[in-house]
Amino acid sequence: MAVAKYTIGAPRSFAEFADKQAQWLSEARASGAEVAVLPEYLALELGASFGAATQGDLHASLVAIQAYRRAWLDLFGLLARELRLHVIAGSFLLDLGQGRYRNRSDAFAPDGGRLWQDKLQLTGFEKQAGVIEAGDALKTFEIGMQRAGIAVCYDIEFPLPVRAQCEAGARLLLAPSCTDTEAGATRVRVGCLARALENRSFVAQAVTAGEALWSPALDTNTGEAAIYAPMDVGLPADGVLAQTRAGQRWAYADLDFAALEASRARAQVANDRDWTGQGAPAIARARVEGWER
């Protein structure tokens, strides 16, 4: 498993962007990864291939990058097949008609399969853009012998949709993200740790890195790519299986799903099994209590 701390650049053409993706994903595959996760807003890097007026205007960039959509799908489909790699290609802000966009994370399989998950919860930045809308479908899918789900950045901070994915069998949550403040990076990291704890699942987070001051969406980037696990017997006490440091481009971990499942039997706590206790009638609502005197 590999998650990217992806340095945003300024490609002058789609071909230059494609070469970069091939280099990054080939590196992950050469290190033994069978699944690689790239970050949210990856496609906005393509805005650099247009003129300065387009680069600095989010709406103009969204319109412009639609010309690359078919090439985007072809590129990542080809790399997944050639490298024998499952690729979560960050996200592409896709025009679904009438100038309304979905933040769509495309996934590609080595056998040529493709699927997607739209971001469900919009950040303040996305709401303020005025043209981005939330997704309306929640999915899980198979990666080899395991079931997975995608939670795009802010989505990993919400327990109920992720819980629904895990109740549908997901034991691997893939979280492409992009944050521009330390607070934002912390929120997503804490969300990843919480979802790993609640659901007894692995969570794999990719991040953007570096500065792209030409872009209103990718201007400054923070955080570390990491792979998380529940904090329990036989698993890391801090929940961190792997994390990038300094200039590292990828974090890698071998995910032991047998150990994950076995941890249920000797768990110190079992948040996943005890989840339904929250719905007990006596505690479904809090009441206001007066002081006894």
Foldseek 3Di string as FASTA:
>chain_A
DKFFQAEQDQDQAVVSVLVVVLVVVLVVLVVPAQEYEAAAPSLLSPQSNDDLVQLQDPLSSLVVSQVCVVVVLVSVQVSCQVSQHWYFPHWRFHDPDPQATWGKTWIYGNVSDIDIDTAADDDPVQVVVVRYDGDDDFDWDDDDPAIEGEHEQVSLLDQPSLLVSVVVGHQEYEYRYWDADPVSQVSSVVSQQVNQAQRLHKYWYHYYADADCSHPVRGHTDYKTFIFHHCWPPAPVVRTQWIDDDPDTMTDDDDDVVVSVVCCVVGPDHNNVCVCVCVPPVNVDDDDDDDDD
